Amino acid sequence: MQRYAQKLHQFIRSFLLLSVITATGAQAAEKIDLIIDTDPGADDVVALLFALASPDELNIRALTTVAGNVRLDKTSRNARLAREWAGREDVPVYAGAPKPLMRTPIYAENIHGKEGLSGVTVHEPKKGLAEGNAVNYLIDTLKKAKPHSITIAMLGPQTNLALALIQEPEIVQGIKEVVIMGGAHFNGGNITPVAEFNLFADPQAAEVVLKSGVKLTYLPLDVTHKILTSDARLKQIAALNNNASKIVGDILNEYIKGDMEHYGIPGGPVHDATVVAYLLKPELFTGRSVNVVVDSREGPTFGQTIVDWYDGLKAPKNAFWVENGDAQGFFDLLTERLKRLK
């Protein structure tokens, strides 16, 4: 009888342990409900291919486009090109804000080329834009969403989300997290000595998002300038020998030249793609919760992100600031996902 009781006890323990493992696995495998807001842009297109090749982890509800690296008509076309190249025409693309909230529009054609995609030939994609506006899409989707269920990846100026929040502040209830490529602290800026392009392009929009109270994660130049290409990393992408790897290789080989020359670094960053890597494998990155303020005053610090890294002000921590990342881990993950495409 005692032996029977011991066996029954062992069985129950094993059953409970298996239940915990199964539940944990199910939780880990839960897809991220995702909207990608973007201004393609060379590194945006790499990020989009990266994300669209990851359907097991990312349920991409839509791509929403904004003016930034180039004009809205070109960013919208380039987003549709990325969707076409990935074989994911099922994902709708909504065009959004054609200009910032307040400031004069600026573009980054000197970095991304006149069409926003240096290194590759562009064409008009077969499938058009979804009907409706990106801002209205965000409002409608987030109002109807389950509480704190949708993640927004922001790869460009934050104008679309800011306009949605200004019109309907209650949409914050649908947002789980906003993951932003933008800002700079330790690194310094890439368009002025202190400002990063996405924040400089529309600092007033970034202020609206920062003050909204949603959960925010920033992947700034501080981390993207530590995750650099190298000959070996570009070769591992080229070795895939599929159409996606050729497109990414052609884009990066041209796109990284400017940063390599300007900063005197041995490789180039793939800024926006770090957001996708963070969503897929956050353990590749480290950072800390901080207070972030954006300077929207006219002057030499316009667009600067002021980060209280050492908590000197004891101000409320409104963002998680990513400061470091595993460069080889990033390129291994990117290569593995590109391998899944044609």
Protein backbone atom coordinates (compact mmCIF):
# COMPACT_ATOMS: atom_id res chain seq x y z
CA MET A 1 0.00 0.00 0.00
CA GLN A 2 2.87 2.36 0.87
CA ARG A 3 4.61 1.61 -2.45
CA TYR A 4 1.34 2.34 -4.28
CA ALA A 5 0.99 5.67 -2.47
CA GLN A 6 4.60 6.59 -3.37
CA LYS A 7 4.02 5.77 -7.06
CA LEU A 8 0.77 7.74 -7.06
CA HIS A 9 2.60 10.71 -5.48
CA GLN A 10 5.36 10.51 -8.11
CA PHE A 11 2.75 10.33 -10.89
CA ILE A 12 0.94 13.41 -9.58
CA ARG A 13 4.22 15.36 -9.31
CA SER A 14 5.19 14.37 -12.86
CA PHE A 15 1.74 15.32 -14.16
CA LEU A 16 1.86 18.72 -12.46
CA LEU A 17 5.39 19.36 -13.74
CA LEU A 18 4.33 18.44 -17.29
CA SER A 19 1.33 20.78 -16.99
CA VAL A 20 3.60 23.66 -15.97
CA ILE A 21 6.03 22.97 -18.84
CA THR A 22 3.15 22.74 -21.34
CA ALA A 23 1.56 25.95 -20.08
CA THR A 24 4.89 27.78 -20.17
CA GLY A 25 5.53 26.59 -23.71
CA ALA A 26 2.07 27.70 -24.82
CA GLN A 27 2.64 31.09 -23.25
CA ALA A 28 6.05 31.47 -24.93
CA ALA A 29 4.56 30.52 -28.30
CA GLU A 30 1.80 33.15 -28.11
CA LYS A 31 1.97 35.42 -31.14
CA ILE A 32 2.53 39.14 -30.84
CA ASP A 33 -0.40 41.05 -32.32
CA LEU A 34 1.52 43.70 -34.25
CA ILE A 35 1.06 46.87 -36.30
CA ILE A 36 4.22 48.18 -37.98
CA ASP A 37 4.33 51.94 -38.56
CA THR A 38 7.09 52.75 -41.02
CA ASP A 39 8.69 55.19 -43.49
CA PRO A 40 10.67 52.92 -45.88
CA GLY A 41 13.66 53.68 -46.21
CA ALA A 42 16.37 51.09 -46.75
CA ASP A 43 16.66 49.75 -43.19
CA ASP A 44 12.85 49.80 -42.90
CA VAL A 45 12.57 47.42 -45.87
CA VAL A 46 15.11 45.06 -44.25
CA ALA A 47 13.05 45.25 -41.04
CA LEU A 48 9.82 44.53 -42.93
CA LEU A 49 11.27 41.48 -44.69
CA PHE A 50 12.60 40.30 -41.31
CA ALA A 51 9.17 40.68 -39.69
CA LEU A 52 7.13 39.30 -42.59
CA ALA A 53 9.34 36.19 -42.57
CA SER A 54 8.34 35.53 -38.92
CA PRO A 55 4.62 34.61 -39.01
CA ASP A 56 4.93 32.07 -36.19
CA GLU A 57 5.79 34.82 -33.71
CA LEU A 58 4.34 37.97 -35.28
CA ASN A 59 0.70 38.34 -36.29
CA ILE A 60 1.13 41.45 -38.43
CA ARG A 61 -2.25 43.16 -38.59
CA ALA A 62 -1.15 45.93 -40.96
CA LEU A 63 1.66 48.16 -42.15
CA THR A 64 0.95 51.87 -41.70
CA THR A 65 3.10 54.36 -43.55
CA VAL A 66 4.24 57.89 -42.78
CA ALA A 67 6.37 60.52 -44.48
CA GLY A 68 9.94 60.41 -43.22
CA ASN A 69 12.91 59.04 -45.10
CA VAL A 70 11.10 60.06 -48.30
CA ARG A 71 7.67 61.46 -49.20
CA LEU A 72 4.54 59.52 -48.22
CA ASP A 73 3.81 58.26 -51.75
CA LYS A 74 7.27 56.69 -51.88
CA THR A 75 7.23 55.24 -48.36
CA SER A 76 3.83 53.70 -49.14
CA ARG A 77 5.10 52.21 -52.38
CA ASN A 78 8.23 50.85 -50.68
CA ALA A 79 6.18 49.21 -47.92
CA ARG A 80 4.10 47.50 -50.60
CA LEU A 81 7.29 46.43 -52.37
CA ALA A 82 8.60 44.83 -49.16
CA ARG A 83 5.28 43.03 -48.77
CA GLU A 84 5.48 41.80 -52.38
CA TRP A 85 9.10 40.65 -52.04
CA ALA A 86 8.17 38.73 -48.89
CA GLY A 87 5.19 37.07 -50.60
CA ARG A 88 2.86 38.52 -47.94
CA GLU A 89 0.22 40.42 -49.92
CA ASP A 90 -2.25 39.31 -47.23
CA VAL A 91 -0.96 42.13 -44.98
CA PRO A 92 -2.75 45.44 -45.72
CA VAL A 93 -0.82 48.69 -46.13
CA TYR A 94 -2.48 51.95 -45.04
CA ALA A 95 -1.03 55.34 -45.97
CA GLY A 96 -0.92 57.88 -43.14
CA ALA A 97 0.42 61.34 -42.37
CA PRO A 98 2.09 63.19 -45.28
CA LYS A 99 3.82 65.69 -42.97
CA PRO A 100 4.79 66.20 -39.31
CA LEU A 101 2.44 67.70 -36.71
CA MET A 102 4.04 71.14 -36.70
CA ARG A 103 7.51 71.36 -38.18
CA THR A 104 8.54 71.74 -41.81
CA PRO A 105 8.91 68.29 -43.41
CA ILE A 106 12.42 66.93 -43.88
CA TYR A 107 13.58 63.83 -45.76
CA ALA A 108 16.69 61.66 -45.80
CA GLU A 109 17.18 61.20 -49.54
CA ASN A 110 20.90 61.81 -49.09
CA ILE A 111 21.05 58.53 -47.14
CA HIS A 112 18.28 56.42 -48.69
CA GLY A 113 18.33 57.73 -52.27
CA LYS A 114 15.61 59.65 -54.10
CA GLU A 115 13.30 56.63 -54.14
CA GLY A 116 14.09 55.67 -50.56
CA LEU A 117 15.76 52.42 -51.60
CA SER A 118 19.36 52.76 -52.63
CA GLY A 119 20.94 49.71 -54.21
CA VAL A 120 17.79 48.23 -55.79
CA THR A 121 15.48 49.09 -58.66
CA VAL A 122 11.95 50.01 -57.60
CA HIS A 123 8.70 49.41 -59.47
CA GLU A 124 5.00 49.89 -58.83
CA PRO A 125 3.80 46.90 -56.77
CA LYS A 126 0.96 44.75 -58.10
CA LYS A 127 -1.28 45.24 -55.08
CA GLY A 128 -2.41 48.69 -54.04
CA LEU A 129 -3.01 50.38 -50.72
CA ALA A 130 -5.85 49.40 -48.41
CA GLU A 131 -8.82 51.76 -48.44
CA GLY A 132 -8.82 54.32 -45.67
CA ASN A 133 -6.23 56.27 -43.73
CA ALA A 134 -3.59 54.87 -41.37
CA VAL A 135 -4.63 57.20 -38.52
CA ASN A 136 -8.27 56.11 -38.76
CA TYR A 137 -7.13 52.48 -38.98
CA LEU A 138 -5.16 52.86 -35.75
CA ILE A 139 -8.09 54.50 -33.98
CA ASP A 140 -10.64 51.90 -35.13
CA THR A 141 -8.38 48.93 -34.44
CA LEU A 142 -7.17 50.03 -31.01
CA LYS A 143 -10.68 51.04 -29.85
CA LYS A 144 -12.00 47.57 -30.68
CA ALA A 145 -8.96 45.66 -29.39
CA LYS A 146 -8.88 43.64 -26.20
CA PRO A 147 -7.27 45.63 -23.37
CA HIS A 148 -3.49 45.98 -23.79
CA SER A 149 -3.32 43.47 -26.64
CA ILE A 150 -1.66 45.18 -29.63
CA THR A 151 2.02 46.02 -29.97
CA ILE A 152 3.04 48.86 -32.28
CA ALA A 153 6.50 48.85 -33.88
CA MET A 154 7.46 52.39 -34.88
CA LEU A 155 10.25 52.59 -37.44
CA GLY A 156 9.89 56.24 -38.45
CA PRO A 157 8.49 59.55 -37.17
CA GLN A 158 5.67 58.97 -34.67
CA THR A 159 3.15 61.21 -36.43
CA ASN A 160 0.45 58.62 -37.16
CA LEU A 161 0.15 57.38 -33.59
CA ALA A 162 0.33 60.92 -32.20
CA LEU A 163 -2.56 62.03 -34.44
CA ALA A 164 -4.58 59.00 -33.36
CA LEU A 165 -3.89 59.72 -29.67
CA ILE A 166 -4.80 63.41 -30.05
CA GLN A 167 -8.14 62.53 -31.67
CA GLU A 168 -9.03 59.57 -29.44
CA PRO A 169 -6.91 59.41 -26.25
CA GLU A 170 -8.82 56.35 -25.03
CA ILE A 171 -7.16 54.16 -27.67
CA VAL A 172 -4.33 53.65 -25.18
CA GLN A 173 -6.50 50.88 -23.72
CA GLY A 174 -5.77 48.69 -26.75
CA ILE A 175 -1.99 49.17 -26.73
CA LYS A 176 0.22 46.56 -25.10
CA GLU A 177 3.54 48.22 -25.94
CA VAL A 178 5.08 50.68 -28.41
CA VAL A 179 8.59 49.68 -29.56
CA ILE A 180 10.39 52.60 -31.18
CA MET A 181 13.54 52.91 -33.25
CA GLY A 182 14.62 56.40 -32.39
CA GLY A 183 16.52 58.73 -30.15
CA ALA A 184 20.13 58.93 -29.01
CA HIS A 185 21.92 59.55 -25.73
CA PHE A 186 25.45 58.17 -25.36
CA ASN A 187 25.97 57.93 -29.14
CA GLY A 188 25.06 61.48 -30.13
CA GLY A 189 22.79 62.24 -33.06
CA ASN A 190 22.90 61.35 -36.74
CA ILE A 191 21.22 64.44 -38.21
CA THR A 192 22.46 67.03 -35.69
CA PRO A 193 25.14 66.57 -33.01
CA VAL A 194 22.42 65.55 -30.53
CA ALA A 195 19.32 64.47 -32.49
CA GLU A 196 18.42 61.21 -34.22
CA PHE A 197 16.47 61.54 -37.49
CA ASN A 198 13.11 59.98 -36.49
CA LEU A 199 12.79 62.24 -33.44
CA PHE A 200 14.14 65.30 -35.26
CA ALA A 201 11.59 64.73 -38.05
CA ASP A 202 8.66 65.13 -35.63
CA PRO A 203 9.59 65.78 -31.98
CA GLN A 204 6.10 67.07 -31.16
CA ALA A 205 4.64 63.69 -32.17
CA ALA A 206 7.19 61.89 -29.98
CA GLU A 207 6.14 64.14 -27.07
CA VAL A 208 2.50 63.14 -27.50
CA VAL A 209 3.41 59.44 -27.42
CA LEU A 210 5.74 59.87 -24.42
CA LYS A 211 3.02 61.64 -22.45
CA SER A 212 0.31 59.10 -23.33
CA GLY A 213 1.26 56.71 -20.53
CA VAL A 214 1.62 53.66 -22.81
CA LYS A 215 4.44 51.19 -22.25
CA LEU A 216 7.39 52.38 -24.35
CA THR A 217 10.62 50.72 -25.43
CA TYR A 218 13.25 52.73 -27.30
CA LEU A 219 15.99 51.22 -29.48
CA PRO A 220 18.19 54.29 -30.02
CA LEU A 221 21.42 54.92 -31.89
CA ASP A 222 23.14 53.87 -28.64
CA VAL A 223 22.39 50.24 -29.51
CA THR A 224 21.99 50.32 -33.30
CA HIS A 225 25.54 51.66 -33.67
CA LYS A 226 26.82 48.59 -31.81
CA ILE A 227 25.10 46.14 -34.18
CA LEU A 228 27.12 46.64 -37.32
CA THR A 229 27.54 44.77 -40.57
CA SER A 230 30.85 43.16 -41.43
CA ASP A 231 32.14 41.38 -44.51
CA ALA A 232 31.49 38.05 -42.80
CA ARG A 233 27.94 39.00 -41.79
CA LEU A 234 27.09 40.25 -45.27
CA LYS A 235 28.55 37.05 -46.73
CA GLN A 236 26.37 34.88 -44.48
CA ILE A 237 23.30 36.69 -45.84
CA ALA A 238 24.53 36.43 -49.44
CA ALA A 239 25.17 32.69 -48.99
CA LEU A 240 21.40 32.12 -48.69
CA ASN A 241 21.29 32.79 -52.44
CA ASN A 242 17.58 33.56 -52.59
CA ASN A 243 15.80 36.65 -53.84
CA ALA A 244 15.30 38.09 -50.35
CA SER A 245 18.98 37.77 -49.46
CA LYS A 246 19.98 39.41 -52.76
CA ILE A 247 17.62 42.34 -52.13
CA VAL A 248 18.87 42.79 -48.55
CA GLY A 249 22.50 42.45 -49.66
CA ASP A 250 22.08 45.01 -52.45
CA ILE A 251 20.32 47.45 -50.10
CA LEU A 252 22.84 47.11 -47.28
CA ASN A 253 25.95 47.25 -49.44
CA GLU A 254 24.83 50.66 -50.68
CA TYR A 255 23.10 51.96 -47.54
CA ILE A 256 25.93 51.38 -45.06
CA LYS A 257 28.50 53.41 -47.03
CA GLY A 258 27.35 56.75 -45.63
CA ASP A 259 27.59 55.78 -41.97
CA MET A 260 30.90 53.98 -42.44
CA GLU A 261 32.40 57.09 -44.01
CA HIS A 262 30.78 59.60 -41.65
CA TYR A 263 31.61 57.78 -38.41
CA GLY A 264 34.77 55.99 -39.51
CA ILE A 265 33.35 52.62 -38.45
CA PRO A 266 34.12 49.20 -39.97
CA GLY A 267 30.49 48.36 -40.75
CA GLY A 268 27.06 49.95 -40.87
CA PRO A 269 23.98 49.80 -38.62
CA VAL A 270 20.63 48.34 -39.75
CA HIS A 271 18.69 50.59 -37.38
CA ASP A 272 15.03 49.62 -37.84
CA ALA A 273 15.65 45.89 -38.04
CA THR A 274 16.75 45.94 -34.38
CA VAL A 275 13.10 46.56 -33.41
CA VAL A 276 12.08 43.29 -35.08
CA ALA A 277 14.94 41.41 -33.43
CA TYR A 278 13.88 42.84 -30.06
CA LEU A 279 10.31 41.61 -30.58
CA LEU A 280 11.47 38.15 -31.65
CA LYS A 281 14.32 37.66 -29.19
CA PRO A 282 14.47 40.34 -26.46
CA GLU A 283 17.18 38.40 -24.63
CA LEU A 284 19.63 39.68 -27.27
CA PHE A 285 19.34 43.16 -25.73
CA THR A 286 19.89 44.94 -22.43
CA GLY A 287 18.85 48.33 -21.09
CA ARG A 288 17.06 50.00 -18.21
CA SER A 289 13.89 51.92 -17.36
CA VAL A 290 14.51 55.68 -17.52
CA ASN A 291 12.83 59.04 -17.80
CA VAL A 292 12.93 60.37 -21.39
CA VAL A 293 12.08 63.89 -22.53
CA VAL A 294 12.15 65.18 -26.12
CA ASP A 295 13.31 68.74 -26.78
CA SER A 296 10.91 70.39 -29.22
CA ARG A 297 12.17 73.95 -28.72
CA GLU A 298 13.70 75.67 -31.73
CA GLY A 299 17.47 75.77 -31.41
CA PRO A 300 20.58 73.58 -31.50
CA THR A 301 19.04 70.86 -29.28
CA PHE A 302 15.80 70.53 -31.31
CA GLY A 303 14.79 66.87 -31.48
CA GLN A 304 17.21 65.70 -28.79
CA THR A 305 16.16 62.88 -26.48
CA ILE A 306 17.19 63.76 -22.93
CA VAL A 307 17.65 60.51 -21.01
CA ASP A 308 18.02 60.42 -17.22
CA TRP A 309 20.23 57.31 -17.34
CA TYR A 310 21.45 57.59 -13.74
CA ASP A 311 18.07 58.68 -12.32
CA GLY A 312 19.44 62.00 -11.11
CA LEU A 313 16.07 63.77 -11.41
CA LYS A 314 14.08 60.98 -9.71
CA ALA A 315 11.41 61.59 -12.35
CA PRO A 316 8.84 58.95 -13.35
CA LYS A 317 10.37 56.31 -15.63
CA ASN A 318 8.36 56.46 -18.84
CA ALA A 319 10.42 54.24 -21.17
CA PHE A 320 12.72 51.24 -21.35
CA TRP A 321 15.93 52.42 -23.05
CA VAL A 322 17.88 49.67 -24.84
CA GLU A 323 21.60 50.35 -24.61
CA ASN A 324 23.38 47.19 -25.76
CA GLY A 325 22.81 44.17 -27.98
CA ASP A 326 24.36 40.96 -29.30
CA ALA A 327 25.50 41.90 -32.81
CA GLN A 328 26.27 38.38 -34.05
CA GLY A 329 23.05 37.08 -32.49
CA PHE A 330 21.14 39.76 -34.40
CA PHE A 331 22.69 38.85 -37.77
CA ASP A 332 22.26 35.13 -37.14
CA LEU A 333 18.55 35.68 -36.46
CA LEU A 334 18.12 37.96 -39.49
CA THR A 335 19.86 35.40 -41.72
CA GLU A 336 17.75 32.55 -40.37
CA ARG A 337 14.53 34.46 -41.12
CA LEU A 338 15.60 35.61 -44.61
CA LYS A 339 16.28 31.96 -45.40
CA ARG A 340 12.54 31.31 -45.08
CA LEU A 341 11.71 33.68 -47.95
CA LYS A 342 12.10 33.06 -51.66
